[in-house]
PDB file of N, CA and C in Angstrom:
ATOM      1  N   MET A   1      15.928   2.023 -14.067  1.00  0.00           N
ATOM      2  CA  MET A   1      14.811   2.949 -14.126  1.00  0.00           C
ATOM      3  C   MET A   1      15.385   4.361 -14.213  1.00  0.00           C
ATOM      4  N   ALA A   2      14.905   5.115 -15.150  1.00  0.00           N
ATOM      5  CA  ALA A   2      15.354   6.501 -15.302  1.00  0.00           C
ATOM      6  C   ALA A   2      14.908   7.318 -14.095  1.00  0.00           C
ATOM      7  N   LYS A   3      15.620   8.401 -13.843  1.00  0.00           N
ATOM      8  CA  LYS A   3      15.278   9.277 -12.723  1.00  0.00           C
ATOM      9  C   LYS A   3      13.875   9.840 -12.923  1.00  0.00           C
ATOM     10  N   LEU A   4      13.002   9.603 -11.975  1.00  0.00           N
ATOM     11  CA  LEU A   4      11.615  10.035 -12.058  1.00  0.00           C
ATOM     12  C   LEU A   4      11.368  11.191 -11.113  1.00  0.00           C
ATOM     13  N   SER A   5      10.394  12.018 -11.460  1.00  0.00           N
ATOM     14  CA  SER A   5       9.968  13.043 -10.516  1.00  0.00           C
ATOM     15  C   SER A   5       9.230  12.340  -9.385  1.00  0.00           C
ATOM     16  N   GLN A   6       9.036  13.052  -8.292  1.00  0.00           N
ATOM     17  CA  GLN A   6       8.350  12.451  -7.149  1.00  0.00           C
ATOM     18  C   GLN A   6       6.939  12.017  -7.528  1.00  0.00           C
ATOM     19  N   SER A   7       6.215  12.843  -8.266  1.00  0.00           N
ATOM     20  CA  SER A   7       4.836  12.480  -8.622  1.00  0.00           C
ATOM     21  C   SER A   7       4.805  11.270  -9.549  1.00  0.00           C
ATOM     22  N   GLU A   8       5.769  11.160 -10.475  1.00  0.00           N
ATOM     23  CA  GLU A   8       5.834   9.984 -11.346  1.00  0.00           C
ATOM     24  C   GLU A   8       6.164   8.733 -10.538  1.00  0.00           C
ATOM     25  N   ALA A   9       7.073   8.872  -9.592  1.00  0.00           N
ATOM     26  CA  ALA A   9       7.449   7.739  -8.752  1.00  0.00           C
ATOM     27  C   ALA A   9       6.255   7.274  -7.921  1.00  0.00           C
ATOM     28  N   ILE A  10       5.498   8.206  -7.365  1.00  0.00           N
ATOM     29  CA  ILE A  10       4.312   7.847  -6.578  1.00  0.00           C
ATOM     30  C   ILE A  10       3.284   7.177  -7.465  1.00  0.00           C
ATOM     31  N   GLU A  11       3.088   7.686  -8.681  1.00  0.00           N
ATOM     32  CA  GLU A  11       2.138   7.064  -9.613  1.00  0.00           C
ATOM     33  C   GLU A  11       2.562   5.633  -9.945  1.00  0.00           C
ATOM     34  N   ASN A  12       3.848   5.426 -10.198  1.00  0.00           N
ATOM     35  CA  ASN A  12       4.348   4.077 -10.497  1.00  0.00           C
ATOM     36  C   ASN A  12       4.207   3.154  -9.296  1.00  0.00           C
ATOM     37  N   LEU A  13       4.514   3.679  -8.122  1.00  0.00           N
ATOM     38  CA  LEU A  13       4.357   2.884  -6.903  1.00  0.00           C
ATOM     39  C   LEU A  13       2.891   2.535  -6.687  1.00  0.00           C
ATOM     40  N   ALA A  14       2.006   3.499  -6.892  1.00  0.00           N
ATOM     41  CA  ALA A  14       0.572   3.254  -6.741  1.00  0.00           C
ATOM     42  C   ALA A  14       0.108   2.162  -7.699  1.00  0.00           C
ATOM     43  N   ALA A  15       0.588   2.191  -8.929  1.00  0.00           N
ATOM     44  CA  ALA A  15       0.207   1.173  -9.914  1.00  0.00           C
ATOM     45  C   ALA A  15       0.664  -0.215  -9.463  1.00  0.00           C
ATOM     46  N   GLU A  16       1.891  -0.300  -8.957  1.00  0.00           N
ATOM     47  CA  GLU A  16       2.408  -1.591  -8.462  1.00  0.00           C
ATOM     48  C   GLU A  16       1.570  -2.101  -7.290  1.00  0.00           C
ATOM     49  N   ILE A  17       1.289  -1.212  -6.352  1.00  0.00           N
ATOM     50  CA  ILE A  17       0.479  -1.590  -5.189  1.00  0.00           C
ATOM     51  C   ILE A  17      -0.907  -2.023  -5.641  1.00  0.00           C
ATOM     52  N   GLY A  18      -1.515  -1.233  -6.513  1.00  0.00           N
ATOM     53  CA  GLY A  18      -2.877  -1.507  -6.971  1.00  0.00           C
ATOM     54  C   GLY A  18      -3.034  -2.838  -7.663  1.00  0.00           C
ATOM     55  N   GLU A  19      -1.991  -3.286  -8.359  1.00  0.00           N
ATOM     56  CA  GLU A  19      -2.046  -4.545  -9.092  1.00  0.00           C
ATOM     57  C   GLU A  19      -1.681  -5.758  -8.248  1.00  0.00           C
ATOM     58  N   ASN A  20      -0.995  -5.550  -7.123  1.00  0.00           N
ATOM     59  CA  ASN A  20      -0.432  -6.677  -6.382  1.00  0.00           C
ATOM     60  C   ASN A  20      -0.947  -6.857  -4.963  1.00  0.00           C
ATOM     61  N   VAL A  21      -1.623  -5.864  -4.424  1.00  0.00           N
ATOM     62  CA  VAL A  21      -2.070  -5.934  -3.030  1.00  0.00           C
ATOM     63  C   VAL A  21      -3.591  -5.869  -3.013  1.00  0.00           C
ATOM     64  N   TYR A  22      -4.185  -6.728  -2.206  1.00  0.00           N
ATOM     65  CA  TYR A  22      -5.647  -6.779  -2.167  1.00  0.00           C
ATOM     66  C   TYR A  22      -6.176  -6.888  -0.747  1.00  0.00           C
ATOM     67  N   ILE A  23      -7.431  -6.500  -0.627  1.00  0.00           N
ATOM     68  CA  ILE A  23      -8.209  -6.683   0.594  1.00  0.00           C
ATOM     69  C   ILE A  23      -8.920  -8.025   0.450  1.00  0.00           C
ATOM     70  N   ASP A  24      -8.959  -8.783   1.512  1.00  0.00           N
ATOM     71  CA  ASP A  24      -9.653 -10.071   1.495  1.00  0.00           C
ATOM     72  C   ASP A  24     -10.884  -9.959   2.383  1.00  0.00           C
ATOM     73  N   VAL A  25     -12.059 -10.093   1.760  1.00  0.00           N
ATOM     74  CA  VAL A  25     -13.324 -10.071   2.499  1.00  0.00           C
ATOM     75  C   VAL A  25     -14.093 -11.319   2.093  1.00  0.00           C
ATOM     76  N   ALA A  26     -14.308 -12.225   3.025  1.00  0.00           N
ATOM     77  CA  ALA A  26     -15.044 -13.464   2.782  1.00  0.00           C
ATOM     78  C   ALA A  26     -14.479 -14.203   1.566  1.00  0.00           C
ATOM     79  N   LYS A  27     -13.143 -14.256   1.488  1.00  0.00           N
ATOM     80  CA  LYS A  27     -12.401 -14.915   0.414  1.00  0.00           C
ATOM     81  C   LYS A  27     -12.545 -14.237  -0.947  1.00  0.00           C
ATOM     82  N   TRP A  28     -13.086 -13.020  -0.961  1.00  0.00           N
ATOM     83  CA  TRP A  28     -13.116 -12.203  -2.178  1.00  0.00           C
ATOM     84  C   TRP A  28     -11.898 -11.292  -2.136  1.00  0.00           C
ATOM     85  N   HIS A  29     -11.210 -11.189  -3.245  1.00  0.00           N
ATOM     86  CA  HIS A  29     -10.022 -10.348  -3.325  1.00  0.00           C
ATOM     87  C   HIS A  29     -10.373  -9.066  -4.070  1.00  0.00           C
ATOM     88  N   LEU A  30     -10.296  -7.975  -3.352  1.00  0.00           N
ATOM     89  CA  LEU A  30     -10.529  -6.652  -3.925  1.00  0.00           C
ATOM     90  C   LEU A  30      -9.180  -5.946  -3.975  1.00  0.00           C
ATOM     91  N   TYR A  31      -8.639  -5.839  -5.191  1.00  0.00           N
ATOM     92  CA  TYR A  31      -7.334  -5.195  -5.342  1.00  0.00           C
ATOM     93  C   TYR A  31      -7.445  -3.715  -5.003  1.00  0.00           C
ATOM     94  N   LEU A  32      -6.375  -3.185  -4.441  1.00  0.00           N
ATOM     95  CA  LEU A  32      -6.417  -1.801  -3.957  1.00  0.00           C
ATOM     96  C   LEU A  32      -6.679  -0.798  -5.065  1.00  0.00           C
ATOM     97  N   SER A  33      -6.325  -1.119  -6.298  1.00  0.00           N
ATOM     98  CA  SER A  33      -6.654  -0.210  -7.401  1.00  0.00           C
ATOM     99  C   SER A  33      -8.169  -0.140  -7.589  1.00  0.00           C
ATOM    100  N   ASN A  34      -8.847  -1.264  -7.469  1.00  0.00           N
ATOM    101  CA  ASN A  34     -10.304  -1.290  -7.604  1.00  0.00           C
ATOM    102  C   ASN A  34     -11.000  -0.620  -6.423  1.00  0.00           C
ATOM    103  N   ALA A  35     -10.367  -0.664  -5.268  1.00  0.00           N
ATOM    104  CA  ALA A  35     -10.922  -0.034  -4.070  1.00  0.00           C
ATOM    105  C   ALA A  35     -10.528   1.443  -3.976  1.00  0.00           C
ATOM    106  N   HIS A  36      -9.745   1.923  -4.941  1.00  0.00           N
ATOM    107  CA  HIS A  36      -9.266   3.311  -4.984  1.00  0.00           C
ATOM    108  C   HIS A  36      -8.451   3.673  -3.740  1.00  0.00           C
ATOM    109  N   LEU A  37      -7.650   2.712  -3.294  1.00  0.00           N
ATOM    110  CA  LEU A  37      -6.794   2.932  -2.123  1.00  0.00           C
ATOM    111  C   LEU A  37      -5.312   2.922  -2.469  1.00  0.00           C
ATOM    112  N   HIS A  38      -4.979   2.554  -3.699  1.00  0.00           N
ATOM    113  CA  HIS A  38      -3.574   2.398  -4.072  1.00  0.00           C
ATOM    114  C   HIS A  38      -2.809   3.715  -4.046  1.00  0.00           C
ATOM    115  N   THR A  39      -3.426   4.806  -4.479  1.00  0.00           N
ATOM    116  CA  THR A  39      -2.730   6.089  -4.507  1.00  0.00           C
ATOM    117  C   THR A  39      -2.540   6.639  -3.097  1.00  0.00           C
ATOM    118  N   VAL A  40      -3.561   6.535  -2.283  1.00  0.00           N
ATOM    119  CA  VAL A  40      -3.468   6.991  -0.887  1.00  0.00           C
ATOM    120  C   VAL A  40      -2.331   6.262  -0.180  1.00  0.00           C
ATOM    121  N   LEU A  41      -2.287   4.958  -0.369  1.00  0.00           N
ATOM    122  CA  LEU A  41      -1.246   4.170   0.287  1.00  0.00           C
ATOM    123  C   LEU A  41       0.137   4.524  -0.263  1.00  0.00           C
ATOM    124  N   ALA A  42       0.250   4.679  -1.565  1.00  0.00           N
ATOM    125  CA  ALA A  42       1.540   5.041  -2.164  1.00  0.00           C
ATOM    126  C   ALA A  42       2.027   6.388  -1.649  1.00  0.00           C
ATOM    127  N   GLU A  43       1.134   7.351  -1.514  1.00  0.00           N
ATOM    128  CA  GLU A  43       1.517   8.681  -1.013  1.00  0.00           C
ATOM    129  C   GLU A  43       2.032   8.610   0.417  1.00  0.00           C
ATOM    130  N   LYS A  44       1.466   7.713   1.207  1.00  0.00           N
ATOM    131  CA  LYS A  44       1.903   7.586   2.597  1.00  0.00           C
ATOM    132  C   LYS A  44       3.201   6.775   2.722  1.00  0.00           C
ATOM    133  N   LEU A  45       3.406   5.829   1.797  1.00  0.00           N
ATOM    134  CA  LEU A  45       4.590   4.977   1.863  1.00  0.00           C
ATOM    135  C   LEU A  45       5.811   5.585   1.183  1.00  0.00           C
ATOM    136  N   TYR A  46       5.609   6.437   0.205  1.00  0.00           N
ATOM    137  CA  TYR A  46       6.730   6.977  -0.565  1.00  0.00           C
ATOM    138  C   TYR A  46       7.797   7.657   0.306  1.00  0.00           C
ATOM    139  N   PRO A  47       7.418   8.426   1.331  1.00  0.00           N
ATOM    140  CA  PRO A  47       8.461   9.041   2.167  1.00  0.00           C
ATOM    141  C   PRO A  47       9.423   8.025   2.799  1.00  0.00           C
ATOM    142  N   LEU A  48       8.949   6.817   3.085  1.00  0.00           N
ATOM    143  CA  LEU A  48       9.847   5.783   3.608  1.00  0.00           C
ATOM    144  C   LEU A  48      10.895   5.419   2.568  1.00  0.00           C
ATOM    145  N   LEU A  49      10.462   5.335   1.323  1.00  0.00           N
ATOM    146  CA  LEU A  49      11.379   4.962   0.244  1.00  0.00           C
ATOM    147  C   LEU A  49      12.401   6.052  -0.008  1.00  0.00           C
ATOM    148  N   SER A  50      11.939   7.284  -0.022  1.00  0.00           N
ATOM    149  CA  SER A  50      12.854   8.392  -0.298  1.00  0.00           C
ATOM    150  C   SER A  50      13.798   8.642   0.874  1.00  0.00           C
ATOM    151  N   ALA A  51      13.396   8.227   2.080  1.00  0.00           N
ATOM    152  CA  ALA A  51      14.258   8.365   3.260  1.00  0.00           C
ATOM    153  C   ALA A  51      15.328   7.278   3.296  1.00  0.00           C
ATOM    154  N   GLY A  52      15.134   6.251   2.473  1.00  0.00           N
ATOM    155  CA  GLY A  52      16.154   5.220   2.375  1.00  0.00           C
ATOM    156  C   GLY A  52      15.936   3.992   3.227  1.00  0.00           C
ATOM    157  N   SER A  53      14.813   3.920   3.936  1.00  0.00           N
ATOM    158  CA  SER A  53      14.595   2.737   4.760  1.00  0.00           C
ATOM    159  C   SER A  53      13.154   2.271   4.655  1.00  0.00           C
ATOM    160  N   VAL A  54      13.015   0.965   4.515  1.00  0.00           N
ATOM    161  CA  VAL A  54      11.687   0.355   4.530  1.00  0.00           C
ATOM    162  C   VAL A  54      11.686  -0.611   5.704  1.00  0.00           C
ATOM    163  N   GLU A  55      11.127  -0.162   6.798  1.00  0.00           N
ATOM    164  CA  GLU A  55      11.045  -0.980   7.999  1.00  0.00           C
ATOM    165  C   GLU A  55       9.639  -1.549   8.114  1.00  0.00           C
ATOM    166  N   GLU A  56       9.549  -2.824   8.396  1.00  0.00           N
ATOM    167  CA  GLU A  56       8.251  -3.492   8.497  1.00  0.00           C
ATOM    168  C   GLU A  56       7.338  -2.787   9.497  1.00  0.00           C
ATOM    169  N   ASP A  57       7.885  -2.386  10.645  1.00  0.00           N
ATOM    170  CA  ASP A  57       7.078  -1.714  11.667  1.00  0.00           C
ATOM    171  C   ASP A  57       6.460  -0.427  11.141  1.00  0.00           C
ATOM    172  N   GLN A  58       7.242   0.327  10.359  1.00  0.00           N
ATOM    173  CA  GLN A  58       6.728   1.584   9.808  1.00  0.00           C
ATOM    174  C   GLN A  58       5.615   1.330   8.799  1.00  0.00           C
ATOM    175  N   VAL A  59       5.792   0.324   7.963  1.00  0.00           N
ATOM    176  CA  VAL A  59       4.765  -0.013   6.969  1.00  0.00           C
ATOM    177  C   VAL A  59       3.488  -0.448   7.673  1.00  0.00           C
ATOM    178  N   LEU A  60       3.617  -1.300   8.681  1.00  0.00           N
ATOM    179  CA  LEU A  60       2.442  -1.770   9.413  1.00  0.00           C
ATOM    180  C   LEU A  60       1.738  -0.632  10.136  1.00  0.00           C
ATOM    181  N   LYS A  61       2.494   0.327  10.647  1.00  0.00           N
ATOM    182  CA  LYS A  61       1.904   1.503  11.310  1.00  0.00           C
ATOM    183  C   LYS A  61       1.093   2.318  10.306  1.00  0.00           C
ATOM    184  N   ILE A  62       1.629   2.500   9.110  1.00  0.00           N
ATOM    185  CA  ILE A  62       0.898   3.236   8.072  1.00  0.00           C
ATOM    186  C   ILE A  62      -0.381   2.497   7.718  1.00  0.00           C
ATOM    187  N   LEU A  63      -0.305   1.179   7.552  1.00  0.00           N
ATOM    188  CA  LEU A  63      -1.505   0.389   7.244  1.00  0.00           C
ATOM    189  C   LEU A  63      -2.532   0.498   8.371  1.00  0.00           C
ATOM    190  N   GLN A  64      -2.047   0.519   9.601  1.00  0.00           N
ATOM    191  CA  GLN A  64      -2.929   0.639  10.765  1.00  0.00           C
ATOM    192  C   GLN A  64      -3.619   2.000  10.803  1.00  0.00           C
ATOM    193  N   ASP A  65      -2.947   3.021  10.305  1.00  0.00           N
ATOM    194  CA  ASP A  65      -3.456   4.392  10.396  1.00  0.00           C
ATOM    195  C   ASP A  65      -4.372   4.795   9.235  1.00  0.00           C
ATOM    196  N   ILE A  66      -4.649   3.882   8.321  1.00  0.00           N
ATOM    197  CA  ILE A  66      -5.563   4.188   7.213  1.00  0.00           C
ATOM    198  C   ILE A  66      -6.909   3.550   7.520  1.00  0.00           C
ATOM    199  N   PRO A  67      -7.906   4.378   7.891  1.00  0.00           N
ATOM    200  CA  PRO A  67      -9.221   3.822   8.217  1.00  0.00           C
ATOM    201  C   PRO A  67     -10.026   3.539   6.946  1.00  0.00           C
ATOM    202  N   ILE A  68     -10.671   2.382   6.921  1.00  0.00           N
ATOM    203  CA  ILE A  68     -11.506   1.984   5.794  1.00  0.00           C
ATOM    204  C   ILE A  68     -12.943   1.874   6.300  1.00  0.00           C
ATOM    205  N   LYS A  69     -13.819   2.654   5.683  1.00  0.00           N
ATOM    206  CA  LYS A  69     -15.230   2.618   6.072  1.00  0.00           C
ATOM    207  C   LYS A  69     -15.897   1.407   5.440  1.00  0.00           C
ATOM    208  N   ILE A  70     -16.647   0.668   6.254  1.00  0.00           N
ATOM    209  CA  ILE A  70     -17.389  -0.487   5.757  1.00  0.00           C
ATOM    210  C   ILE A  70     -18.844  -0.369   6.202  1.00  0.00           C
ATOM    211  N   GLY A  71     -19.687  -1.120   5.541  1.00  0.00           N
ATOM    212  CA  GLY A  71     -21.102  -1.103   5.896  1.00  0.00           C
ATOM    213  C   GLY A  71     -21.743   0.252   5.680  1.00  0.00           C
ATOM    214  N   GLY A  72     -21.380   0.902   4.580  1.00  0.00           N
ATOM    215  CA  GLY A  72     -21.960   2.217   4.307  1.00  0.00           C
ATOM    216  C   GLY A  72     -21.494   3.283   5.279  1.00  0.00           C
ATOM    217  N   GLY A  73     -20.340   3.071   5.879  1.00  0.00           N
ATOM    218  CA  GLY A  73     -19.778   4.054   6.801  1.00  0.00           C
ATOM    219  C   GLY A  73     -20.162   3.820   8.250  1.00  0.00           C
ATOM    220  N   LYS A  74     -20.870   2.729   8.524  1.00  0.00           N
ATOM    221  CA  LYS A  74     -21.265   2.439   9.904  1.00  0.00           C
ATOM    222  C   LYS A  74     -20.078   2.087  10.790  1.00  0.00           C
ATOM    223  N   ARG A  75     -19.027   1.541  10.186  1.00  0.00           N
ATOM    224  CA  ARG A  75     -17.832   1.151  10.932  1.00  0.00           C
ATOM    225  C   ARG A  75     -16.594   1.545  10.163  1.00  0.00           C
ATOM    226  N   GLU A  76     -15.515   1.667  10.887  1.00  0.00           N
ATOM    227  CA  GLU A  76     -14.205   1.877  10.290  1.00  0.00           C
ATOM    228  C   GLU A  76     -13.272   0.786  10.782  1.00  0.00           C
ATOM    229  N   VAL A  77     -12.501   0.253   9.834  1.00  0.00           N
ATOM    230  CA  VAL A  77     -11.553  -0.814  10.129  1.00  0.00           C
ATOM    231  C   VAL A  77     -10.200  -0.388   9.569  1.00  0.00           C
ATOM    232  N   PRO A  78      -9.127  -0.588  10.308  1.00  0.00           N
ATOM    233  CA  PRO A  78      -7.804  -0.246   9.766  1.00  0.00           C
ATOM    234  C   PRO A  78      -7.494  -1.116   8.544  1.00  0.00           C
ATOM    235  N   LEU A  79      -6.843  -0.526   7.563  1.00  0.00           N
ATOM    236  CA  LEU A  79      -6.474  -1.267   6.358  1.00  0.00           C
ATOM    237  C   LEU A  79      -5.678  -2.512   6.715  1.00  0.00           C
ATOM    238  N   SER A  80      -4.857  -2.432   7.728  1.00  0.00           N
ATOM    239  CA  SER A  80      -4.040  -3.587   8.130  1.00  0.00           C
ATOM    240  C   SER A  80      -4.901  -4.795   8.482  1.00  0.00           C
ATOM    241  N   ASP A  81      -6.111  -4.575   8.995  1.00  0.00           N
ATOM    242  CA  ASP A  81      -6.996  -5.688   9.355  1.00  0.00           C
ATOM    243  C   ASP A  81      -7.626  -6.351   8.141  1.00  0.00           C
ATOM    244  N   LEU A  82      -7.615  -5.690   7.010  1.00  0.00           N
ATOM    245  CA  LEU A  82      -8.251  -6.219   5.807  1.00  0.00           C
ATOM    246  C   LEU A  82      -7.272  -6.889   4.848  1.00  0.00           C
ATOM    247  N   LEU A  83      -5.979  -6.654   5.055  1.00  0.00           N
ATOM    248  CA  LEU A  83      -4.967  -7.262   4.189  1.00  0.00           C
ATOM    249  C   LEU A  83      -4.508  -8.588   4.782  1.00  0.00           C
ATOM    250  N   PRO A  84      -4.576  -9.665   4.014  1.00  0.00           N
ATOM    251  CA  PRO A  84      -4.026 -10.930   4.516  1.00  0.00           C
ATOM    252  C   PRO A  84      -2.529 -10.779   4.786  1.00  0.00           C
ATOM    253  N   MET A  85      -2.012 -11.606   5.661  1.00  0.00           N
ATOM    254  CA  MET A  85      -0.592 -11.540   6.023  1.00  0.00           C
ATOM    255  C   MET A  85       0.289 -11.646   4.785  1.00  0.00           C
ATOM    256  N   GLN A  86      -0.063 -12.519   3.847  1.00  0.00           N
ATOM    257  CA  GLN A  86       0.761 -12.676   2.650  1.00  0.00           C
ATOM    258  C   GLN A  86       0.798 -11.388   1.837  1.00  0.00           C
ATOM    259  N   CYS A  87      -0.301 -10.641   1.806  1.00  0.00           N
ATOM    260  CA  CYS A  87      -0.315  -9.360   1.091  1.00  0.00           C
ATOM    261  C   CYS A  87       0.577  -8.338   1.786  1.00  0.00           C
ATOM    262  N   GLN A  88       0.611  -8.371   3.105  1.00  0.00           N
ATOM    263  CA  GLN A  88       1.489  -7.464   3.833  1.00  0.00           C
ATOM    264  C   GLN A  88       2.952  -7.777   3.529  1.00  0.00           C
ATOM    265  N   VAL A  89       3.283  -9.058   3.487  1.00  0.00           N
ATOM    266  CA  VAL A  89       4.642  -9.477   3.151  1.00  0.00           C
ATOM    267  C   VAL A  89       4.966  -9.069   1.710  1.00  0.00           C
ATOM    268  N   ASN A  90       4.022  -9.309   0.802  1.00  0.00           N
ATOM    269  CA  ASN A  90       4.224  -8.928  -0.604  1.00  0.00           C
ATOM    270  C   ASN A  90       4.406  -7.420  -0.743  1.00  0.00           C
ATOM    271  N   LEU A  91       3.658  -6.652   0.036  1.00  0.00           N
ATOM    272  CA  LEU A  91       3.778  -5.195  -0.010  1.00  0.00           C
ATOM    273  C   LEU A  91       5.179  -4.757   0.412  1.00  0.00           C
ATOM    274  N   ILE A  92       5.687  -5.321   1.469  1.00  0.00           N
ATOM    275  CA  ILE A  92       7.029  -4.962   1.937  1.00  0.00           C
ATOM    276  C   ILE A  92       8.076  -5.367   0.902  1.00  0.00           C
ATOM    277  N   ASP A  93       7.927  -6.544   0.320  1.00  0.00           N
ATOM    278  CA  ASP A  93       8.843  -6.973  -0.742  1.00  0.00           C
ATOM    279  C   ASP A  93       8.764  -6.027  -1.938  1.00  0.00           C
ATOM    280  N   LEU A  94       7.561  -5.652  -2.306  1.00  0.00           N
ATOM    281  CA  LEU A  94       7.342  -4.724  -3.423  1.00  0.00           C
ATOM    282  C   LEU A  94       8.023  -3.394  -3.147  1.00  0.00           C
ATOM    283  N   LEU A  95       7.888  -2.895  -1.918  1.00  0.00           N
ATOM    284  CA  LEU A  95       8.511  -1.625  -1.548  1.00  0.00           C
ATOM    285  C   LEU A  95      10.031  -1.702  -1.604  1.00  0.00           C
ATOM    286  N   GLU A  96      10.591  -2.794  -1.110  1.00  0.00           N
ATOM    287  CA  GLU A  96      12.044  -2.961  -1.146  1.00  0.00           C
ATOM    288  C   GLU A  96      12.550  -3.015  -2.591  1.00  0.00           C
ATOM    289  N   GLU A  97      11.836  -3.735  -3.446  1.00  0.00           N
ATOM    290  CA  GLU A  97      12.214  -3.815  -4.853  1.00  0.00           C
ATOM    291  C   GLU A  97      12.093  -2.459  -5.531  1.00  0.00           C
ATOM    292  N   PHE A  98      11.003  -1.764  -5.251  1.00  0.00           N
ATOM    293  CA  PHE A  98      10.779  -0.440  -5.847  1.00  0.00           C
ATOM    294  C   PHE A  98      11.881   0.521  -5.415  1.00  0.00           C
ATOM    295  N   GLN A  99      12.276   0.447  -4.149  1.00  0.00           N
ATOM    296  CA  GLN A  99      13.326   1.337  -3.631  1.00  0.00           C
ATOM    297  C   GLN A  99      14.670   1.085  -4.317  1.00  0.00           C
ATOM    298  N   ARG A 100      14.964  -0.175  -4.622  1.00  0.00           N
ATOM    299  CA  ARG A 100      16.223  -0.484  -5.304  1.00  0.00           C
ATOM    300  C   ARG A 100      16.305   0.176  -6.677  1.00  0.00           C
ATOM    301  N   HIS A 101      15.148   0.415  -7.302  1.00  0.00           N
ATOM    302  CA  HIS A 101      15.130   0.994  -8.650  1.00  0.00           C
ATOM    303  C   HIS A 101      14.968   2.500  -8.659  1.00  0.00           C
ATOM    304  N   LEU A 102      14.868   3.114  -7.479  1.00  0.00           N
ATOM    305  CA  LEU A 102      14.756   4.568  -7.428  1.00  0.00           C
ATOM    306  C   LEU A 102      16.067   5.248  -7.778  1.00  0.00           C
TER     307      LEU A 102
END
């Protein structure tokens, strides 16, 4: 991968996240790109990649700290509660792979 600017790298990371990570609600899969959450998540995760370490605990903390409004804003649920475990594992794998190509 050619050397990218930070904004290009975040855009590419957001695209990867948006296509591969989804929210599971009643067995419906809403990909983060469709939920307009992929860029927000990429912006929060990118500093981990540029710092040189992708630790599972740090990723899970970021997912926990992103509130998702449901029911027309009546409730907020952490993004981590909406991602199936396999999506969390896939996200960490995706981040590690993305970091290798930076």
